[in-house]
Protein backbone atom coordinates (compact mmCIF):
# COMPACT_ATOMS: atom_id res chain seq x y z
CA MET A 1 -79.66 -10.43 59.63
CA LYS A 2 -79.07 -13.28 57.23
CA ILE A 3 -75.54 -14.52 56.75
CA VAL A 4 -76.07 -14.41 52.99
CA ARG A 5 -76.16 -10.60 53.18
CA LEU A 6 -72.56 -10.59 54.47
CA VAL A 7 -71.12 -12.46 51.49
CA PRO A 8 -70.81 -9.42 49.17
CA TYR A 9 -69.00 -7.50 51.91
CA ALA A 10 -66.62 -10.41 52.49
CA LEU A 11 -65.92 -10.58 48.74
CA ALA A 12 -65.35 -6.82 48.66
CA ALA A 13 -62.85 -7.14 51.52
CA ILE A 14 -61.05 -9.93 49.65
CA GLY A 15 -61.00 -7.72 46.55
CA LEU A 16 -59.50 -4.81 48.48
CA ALA A 17 -56.79 -7.06 49.92
CA ALA A 18 -56.02 -8.44 46.45
CA ALA A 19 -55.86 -4.90 45.01
CA ALA A 20 -53.41 -3.89 47.74
CA LYS A 21 -51.19 -6.90 46.95
CA ALA A 22 -51.38 -6.14 43.23
CA LEU A 23 -50.16 -2.61 43.85
CA GLU A 24 -46.98 -4.11 45.32
CA LEU A 25 -46.32 -5.71 41.92
CA ARG A 26 -46.58 -2.30 40.19
CA LEU A 27 -49.22 -1.44 37.64
CA TRP A 28 -47.12 0.20 34.93
CA THR A 29 -43.42 0.17 34.20
CA TYR A 30 -41.26 1.24 31.26
CA GLY A 31 -44.27 2.36 29.21
CA GLU A 32 -46.12 -0.94 29.36
CA PRO A 33 -48.37 -2.88 31.76
CA ALA A 34 -46.58 -4.50 34.67
CA ALA A 35 -47.37 -7.71 36.52
CA GLY A 36 -49.85 -6.10 38.91
CA LEU A 37 -52.18 -4.43 36.38
CA PHE A 38 -54.43 -7.37 35.56
CA PRO A 39 -54.77 -8.59 39.17
CA PHE A 40 -55.49 -5.01 40.27
CA LEU A 41 -58.21 -4.50 37.65
CA THR A 42 -59.74 -7.86 38.49
CA ALA A 43 -59.74 -7.07 42.20
CA ILE A 44 -61.39 -3.69 41.60
CA LEU A 45 -64.02 -5.40 39.45
CA LEU A 46 -64.69 -7.84 42.31
CA VAL A 47 -65.10 -4.97 44.77
CA VAL A 48 -67.46 -3.01 42.51
CA THR A 49 -69.65 -5.95 41.55
CA SER A 50 -69.80 -7.18 45.14
CA LEU A 51 -70.92 -3.81 46.43
CA LEU A 52 -73.43 -3.42 43.60
CA SER A 53 -74.94 -6.80 44.46
CA THR A 54 -75.81 -5.56 47.96
CA ARG A 55 -78.68 -3.62 46.41
CA GLU A 56 -80.41 -6.85 45.37
CA THR A 57 -83.06 -8.40 47.57
CA VAL A 58 -82.40 -11.82 49.03
CA PRO A 59 -85.30 -14.29 49.00
CA ASP A 60 -86.43 -15.65 52.36
CA GLU A 61 -85.85 -19.25 51.38
CA GLU A 62 -82.84 -19.59 49.13
CA ALA A 63 -81.79 -23.13 48.42
CA ILE A 64 -78.08 -23.74 48.91
CA GLU A 65 -76.76 -26.36 46.54
CA LEU A 66 -73.99 -27.73 48.73
CA PRO A 67 -72.85 -30.49 46.31
CA ARG A 68 -72.51 -27.94 43.52
CA LEU A 69 -70.60 -25.54 45.77
CA LEU A 70 -68.26 -28.34 46.84
CA GLY A 71 -67.81 -29.32 43.18
CA TYR A 72 -66.72 -25.82 42.25
CA SER A 73 -64.38 -25.70 45.24
CA ALA A 74 -62.81 -29.03 44.32
CA ALA A 75 -62.42 -27.99 40.67
CA LEU A 76 -60.76 -24.73 41.67
CA ALA A 77 -58.42 -26.48 44.11
CA GLY A 78 -57.55 -28.99 41.37
CA PHE A 79 -56.82 -26.15 38.96
CA CYS A 80 -54.47 -24.53 41.47
CA LEU A 81 -52.64 -27.81 42.06
CA MET A 82 -52.36 -28.66 38.36
CA LEU A 83 -51.18 -25.20 37.35
CA ASN A 84 -47.57 -25.80 38.43
CA ILE A 85 -47.51 -29.36 37.13
CA VAL A 86 -49.07 -29.19 33.66
CA GLY A 87 -49.10 -25.43 32.99
CA PHE A 88 -51.86 -22.92 32.40
CA ALA A 89 -53.29 -24.12 29.08
CA LEU A 90 -53.83 -27.75 30.05
CA ALA A 91 -54.89 -26.92 33.63
CA ALA A 92 -57.44 -24.40 32.35
CA LEU A 93 -58.73 -26.91 29.80
CA LEU A 94 -59.20 -29.63 32.43
CA PHE A 95 -60.77 -27.18 34.90
CA LEU A 96 -63.26 -25.90 32.35
CA VAL A 97 -64.14 -29.39 31.12
CA ALA A 98 -64.82 -30.48 34.70
CA VAL A 99 -66.93 -27.42 35.49
CA LEU A 100 -68.92 -27.38 32.27
CA THR A 101 -69.60 -31.11 31.97
CA LEU A 102 -69.66 -32.40 35.55
CA ILE A 103 -71.02 -29.44 37.52
CA GLU A 104 -73.07 -27.54 34.93
CA ARG A 105 -74.21 -30.76 33.20
CA MET A 106 -73.39 -29.53 29.71
CA GLU A 107 -73.19 -32.08 26.92
CA TRP A 108 -69.67 -33.56 26.68
CA LYS A 109 -68.90 -32.49 23.11
CA THR A 110 -70.10 -28.94 23.70
CA GLY A 111 -68.30 -28.70 27.04
CA ILE A 112 -64.99 -29.93 25.66
CA LEU A 113 -65.25 -27.65 22.62
CA LEU A 114 -66.04 -24.56 24.72
CA ALA A 115 -63.34 -25.43 27.24
CA ALA A 116 -60.75 -25.81 24.49
CA ILE A 117 -61.76 -22.53 22.83
CA PHE A 118 -61.65 -20.57 26.08
CA ALA A 119 -58.50 -22.17 27.51
CA PHE A 120 -56.36 -21.89 24.40
CA SER A 121 -57.65 -18.50 23.28
CA THR A 122 -56.87 -17.11 26.74
CA TRP A 123 -53.43 -18.69 26.60
CA GLY A 124 -52.88 -17.30 23.09
CA LEU A 125 -54.03 -13.83 24.11
CA PHE A 126 -51.68 -13.58 27.07
CA GLU A 127 -48.67 -15.49 25.75
CA GLY A 128 -48.81 -14.52 22.09
CA LEU A 129 -50.47 -11.14 21.85
CA LEU A 130 -49.64 -9.54 25.19
CA SER A 131 -46.32 -11.37 25.83
CA VAL A 132 -47.36 -12.14 29.40
CA PRO A 133 -45.72 -15.37 30.55
CA LEU A 134 -48.13 -17.90 32.04
CA PRO A 135 -47.13 -20.93 34.12
CA GLN A 136 -45.77 -23.71 31.91
CA GLY A 137 -45.55 -26.36 34.58
CA MET A 138 -42.93 -29.02 35.07
CA TRP A 139 -43.66 -30.52 31.66
CA ARG A 140 -43.25 -27.14 29.87
CA LEU A 141 -46.70 -27.38 28.24
């Protein structure tokens, strides 16, 4: 058995653990979504998509792009570290710029534009429309 076939099951297990933790935060309270609803839905989506991907066939020789994998890992770690310092909007912008331009090799102008649209529209959706507080960081950005 190839180790690659175990990855969806590992992701499903992570999703189940995340769903269990999200339930501790409560899904619904006082007639509106609570803090655990979005993490719970995301975790369930991870479980479902992971289990659905087990039906796909895995090629015999699948090239693993280790530098790209390490790049994504470093970008994600950087996002987590920056989140408490500069806040969600700026951390998401920098994360997406790094991923789109450095890892995915997108043109700089396009990458920065897409990153800005996604980062600030996500921030606007949660902060403005849904009134869900996102991390502001030490600089209150």
